[in-house]
Amino acid sequence: MKINKAQFVISNTDINLCPKDGKPEYAFIGRSNVGKSSLINMLTDRNKLAKTSGRPGKTQLINHFIINDEWYLVDLPGYGYAKTSKTNRAKWEKFISQYLTKREELLNVFVLLDSRLEPQKIDMEFMNWCGEKGIAFSMVFTKIDKLSSTSLQKNLAKYKKEMLKYWEELPPVFTSSSTSKFGREKILNYIENINASFEKVQ
């Protein structure tokens, strides 16, 4: 898939205000500081589409970007960010879970995981929650340029072992680097294939 156009559309905390044109949506979510904005910018080949920040917890809204006038990339707030009030966190969790469970146009959630870390409790809890709610998701390991191939394979194996305690099979798994653009083509092709199936059903 070639991305010719990527534009910001709307930010909000109310799913009733999300676009109503029925186009497919793909959400990106992960623990704070997992490299979500960098990955979104890398995928769309735009330097500043999503705001990157050294300060975790920057994304506090549901952000819709229209891609090629065909589908939406949705940037969701990171979960598990401690340096905010409990009230704020509860508010985020409420609108994020409403969006994930009620948004019919949402076809896949890309759950971003830091490839340098072993399985994190908060990530496992989130993916298991998606499973319980019947939300289709894929795993995207970020920052693979920051560790050796051996360490990466070790961490992927640990994730696989942990996931298979709860799941009969793994969801689709992608590895990525925002620096080298590794994984870009695979992720975009995956979206393109789902879009093609979505159009057939329509």
Protein backbone atom coordinates (compact mmCIF):
# COMPACT_ATOMS: atom_id res chain seq x y z
CA MET A 1 0.00 0.00 0.00
CA LYS A 2 1.28 3.43 -0.93
CA ILE A 3 0.19 6.28 1.31
CA ASN A 4 -0.43 9.37 -0.80
CA LYS A 5 -2.51 11.32 1.69
CA ALA A 6 -2.72 11.40 5.48
CA GLN A 7 -4.74 14.09 7.22
CA PHE A 8 -5.86 14.82 10.74
CA VAL A 9 -9.68 14.79 11.02
CA ILE A 10 -10.86 15.05 14.62
CA SER A 11 -9.89 14.57 18.29
CA ASN A 12 -12.49 13.77 20.91
CA THR A 13 -13.46 11.68 23.92
CA ASP A 14 -16.97 10.84 22.72
CA ILE A 15 -17.51 8.01 20.23
CA ASN A 16 -20.68 9.73 19.03
CA LEU A 17 -18.47 12.45 17.56
CA CYS A 18 -16.27 10.01 15.62
CA PRO A 19 -16.56 10.09 11.78
CA LYS A 20 -19.85 8.71 10.48
CA ASP A 21 -18.89 7.75 6.93
CA GLY A 22 -18.52 4.03 7.70
CA LYS A 23 -14.89 3.78 6.55
CA PRO A 24 -12.75 1.07 8.21
CA GLU A 25 -10.67 2.05 11.23
CA TYR A 26 -7.41 0.74 12.68
CA ALA A 27 -6.49 1.78 16.21
CA PHE A 28 -3.00 2.01 17.69
CA ILE A 29 -2.54 1.66 21.43
CA GLY A 30 0.18 0.71 23.88
CA ARG A 31 1.83 1.47 27.14
CA SER A 32 3.05 5.04 27.48
CA ASN A 33 6.41 5.64 25.80
CA VAL A 34 6.23 2.52 23.64
CA GLY A 35 6.95 4.57 20.50
CA LYS A 36 3.39 4.88 19.20
CA SER A 37 3.64 8.34 17.66
CA SER A 38 6.95 7.46 16.00
CA LEU A 39 5.42 4.29 14.54
CA ILE A 40 2.38 6.18 13.21
CA ASN A 41 4.64 8.80 11.61
CA MET A 42 6.79 6.03 10.11
CA LEU A 43 3.79 4.15 8.69
CA THR A 44 2.28 7.25 7.11
CA ASP A 45 5.68 8.60 6.03
CA ARG A 46 4.88 11.92 7.71
CA ASN A 47 7.26 13.41 10.25
CA LYS A 48 4.71 15.18 12.38
CA LEU A 49 1.35 13.53 11.80
CA ALA A 50 1.24 12.22 15.37
CA LYS A 51 2.89 14.39 18.00
CA THR A 52 5.94 12.67 19.47
CA SER A 53 6.97 13.70 22.93
CA GLY A 54 9.66 12.85 25.43
CA ARG A 55 6.89 13.17 27.98
CA PRO A 56 4.73 10.01 28.14
CA GLY A 57 0.97 10.42 28.24
CA LYS A 58 0.86 13.15 25.58
CA THR A 59 -2.05 11.59 23.67
CA GLN A 60 -5.16 12.16 25.76
CA LEU A 61 -7.86 11.93 23.10
CA ILE A 62 -9.12 9.62 20.36
CA ASN A 63 -7.37 11.04 17.28
CA HIS A 64 -8.67 10.17 13.80
CA PHE A 65 -6.48 10.52 10.72
CA ILE A 66 -7.91 9.78 7.25
CA ILE A 67 -5.52 7.83 5.01
CA ASN A 68 -5.84 8.00 1.20
CA ASP A 69 -9.49 9.05 1.76
CA GLU A 70 -10.15 5.31 2.29
CA TRP A 71 -9.57 4.35 5.93
CA TYR A 72 -8.86 5.84 9.34
CA LEU A 73 -5.81 5.45 11.47
CA VAL A 74 -6.84 6.04 15.09
CA ASP A 75 -4.30 7.12 17.69
CA LEU A 76 -5.48 6.20 21.20
CA PRO A 77 -4.07 7.35 24.57
CA GLY A 78 -1.42 5.11 26.08
CA TYR A 79 -2.47 2.97 29.01
CA GLY A 80 -0.71 2.54 32.32
CA TYR A 81 0.67 6.05 32.59
CA ALA A 82 1.09 6.71 36.30
CA LYS A 83 1.89 10.43 36.31
CA THR A 84 -1.66 11.64 35.94
CA SER A 85 -4.56 11.87 38.37
CA LYS A 86 -6.75 8.85 39.06
CA THR A 87 -9.70 10.88 37.80
CA ASN A 88 -7.98 11.50 34.46
CA ARG A 89 -6.98 7.86 34.17
CA ALA A 90 -10.51 6.65 34.91
CA LYS A 91 -11.88 9.09 32.32
CA TRP A 92 -9.43 7.87 29.66
CA GLU A 93 -10.15 4.22 30.44
CA LYS A 94 -13.88 4.83 30.12
CA PHE A 95 -13.82 6.45 26.68
CA ILE A 96 -11.09 4.12 25.37
CA SER A 97 -13.08 1.03 26.38
CA GLN A 98 -16.27 2.53 24.92
CA TYR A 99 -14.48 3.17 21.63
CA LEU A 100 -12.91 -0.30 21.51
CA THR A 101 -16.08 -2.20 22.38
CA LYS A 102 -18.73 -0.15 20.59
CA ARG A 103 -17.12 1.26 17.45
CA GLU A 104 -18.43 -0.93 14.62
CA GLU A 105 -16.00 0.50 12.05
CA LEU A 106 -13.00 -0.66 14.11
CA LEU A 107 -11.52 -3.65 12.27
CA ASN A 108 -8.26 -4.15 14.15
CA VAL A 109 -6.34 -2.84 17.14
CA PHE A 110 -2.56 -2.76 16.86
CA VAL A 111 -1.22 -3.33 20.38
CA LEU A 112 2.30 -1.90 20.59
CA LEU A 113 4.85 -3.68 22.78
CA ASP A 114 8.41 -2.61 23.56
CA SER A 115 10.58 -5.38 22.12
CA ARG A 116 13.32 -4.68 24.69
CA LEU A 117 11.13 -5.81 27.58
CA GLU A 118 9.91 -9.18 28.75
CA PRO A 119 6.11 -9.66 28.88
CA GLN A 120 4.59 -6.88 30.97
CA LYS A 121 1.60 -7.55 33.21
CA ILE A 122 -0.30 -4.48 31.96
CA ASP A 123 0.12 -5.50 28.30
CA MET A 124 -1.00 -9.07 28.99
CA GLU A 125 -4.05 -7.77 30.90
CA PHE A 126 -4.99 -5.46 28.05
CA MET A 127 -4.68 -8.18 25.38
CA ASN A 128 -6.64 -10.64 27.49
CA TRP A 129 -9.34 -8.00 27.99
CA CYS A 130 -9.50 -7.56 24.18
CA GLY A 131 -9.89 -11.33 23.88
CA GLU A 132 -12.74 -11.39 26.41
CA LYS A 133 -14.51 -8.58 24.55
CA GLY A 134 -13.98 -10.20 21.13
CA ILE A 135 -11.85 -7.29 19.85
CA ALA A 136 -9.57 -8.26 16.97
CA PHE A 137 -5.99 -7.22 17.64
CA SER A 138 -2.43 -7.69 16.41
CA MET A 139 0.84 -7.43 18.33
CA VAL A 140 3.44 -4.93 17.09
CA PHE A 141 6.87 -5.09 18.70
CA THR A 142 8.55 -1.67 18.50
CA LYS A 143 12.16 -0.46 18.73
CA ILE A 144 13.72 -3.67 17.39
CA ASP A 145 16.76 -1.66 16.29
CA LYS A 146 17.56 -1.09 19.97
CA LEU A 147 18.48 -4.71 20.73
CA SER A 148 20.32 -7.63 19.17
CA SER A 149 18.57 -10.22 17.03
CA THR A 150 19.23 -12.87 19.72
CA SER A 151 17.68 -10.74 22.48
CA LEU A 152 14.71 -9.97 20.24
CA GLN A 153 14.07 -13.66 19.52
CA LYS A 154 14.35 -14.44 23.26
CA ASN A 155 11.78 -11.78 24.17
CA LEU A 156 9.42 -12.86 21.36
CA ALA A 157 9.67 -16.47 22.59
CA LYS A 158 8.83 -15.33 26.14
CA TYR A 159 5.79 -13.44 24.87
CA LYS A 160 4.67 -16.45 22.86
CA LYS A 161 5.00 -18.72 25.90
CA GLU A 162 3.08 -16.24 28.08
CA MET A 163 0.33 -15.70 25.48
CA LEU A 164 -0.20 -19.42 24.96
CA LYS A 165 -1.10 -19.77 28.64
CA TYR A 166 -4.32 -17.91 27.78
CA TRP A 167 -4.72 -18.30 24.02
CA GLU A 168 -4.99 -21.32 21.75
CA GLU A 169 -3.13 -19.46 19.05
CA LEU A 170 -1.32 -16.15 18.73
CA PRO A 171 -2.80 -13.13 16.97
CA PRO A 172 -0.77 -11.73 14.03
CA VAL A 173 2.67 -10.56 15.20
CA PHE A 174 4.72 -7.75 13.61
CA THR A 175 8.18 -6.42 14.44
CA SER A 176 9.03 -2.81 13.69
CA SER A 177 11.58 -0.04 13.87
CA SER A 178 10.60 3.58 13.35
CA THR A 179 14.24 4.41 12.64
CA SER A 180 14.87 1.90 9.84
CA LYS A 181 11.18 1.68 8.78
CA PHE A 182 11.34 -2.08 9.23
CA GLY A 183 7.86 -3.62 9.37
CA ARG A 184 6.20 -0.74 7.51
CA GLU A 185 5.36 -2.72 4.39
CA LYS A 186 4.04 -5.76 6.27
CA ILE A 187 1.74 -3.71 8.51
CA LEU A 188 0.38 -1.63 5.60
CA ASN A 189 -0.16 -4.75 3.46
CA TYR A 190 -2.02 -6.35 6.36
CA ILE A 191 -4.32 -3.30 6.55
CA GLU A 192 -4.78 -3.35 2.78
CA ASN A 193 -5.84 -7.02 2.86
CA ILE A 194 -8.39 -6.41 5.63
CA ASN A 195 -9.74 -3.40 3.71
CA ALA A 196 -10.17 -5.58 0.60
CA SER A 197 -12.19 -8.14 2.62
CA PHE A 198 -14.21 -5.31 4.18
CA GLU A 199 -15.13 -3.96 0.73
CA LYS A 200 -16.26 -7.40 -0.46
CA VAL A 201 -18.59 -7.71 2.52
CA GLN A 202 -20.03 -4.24 1.95
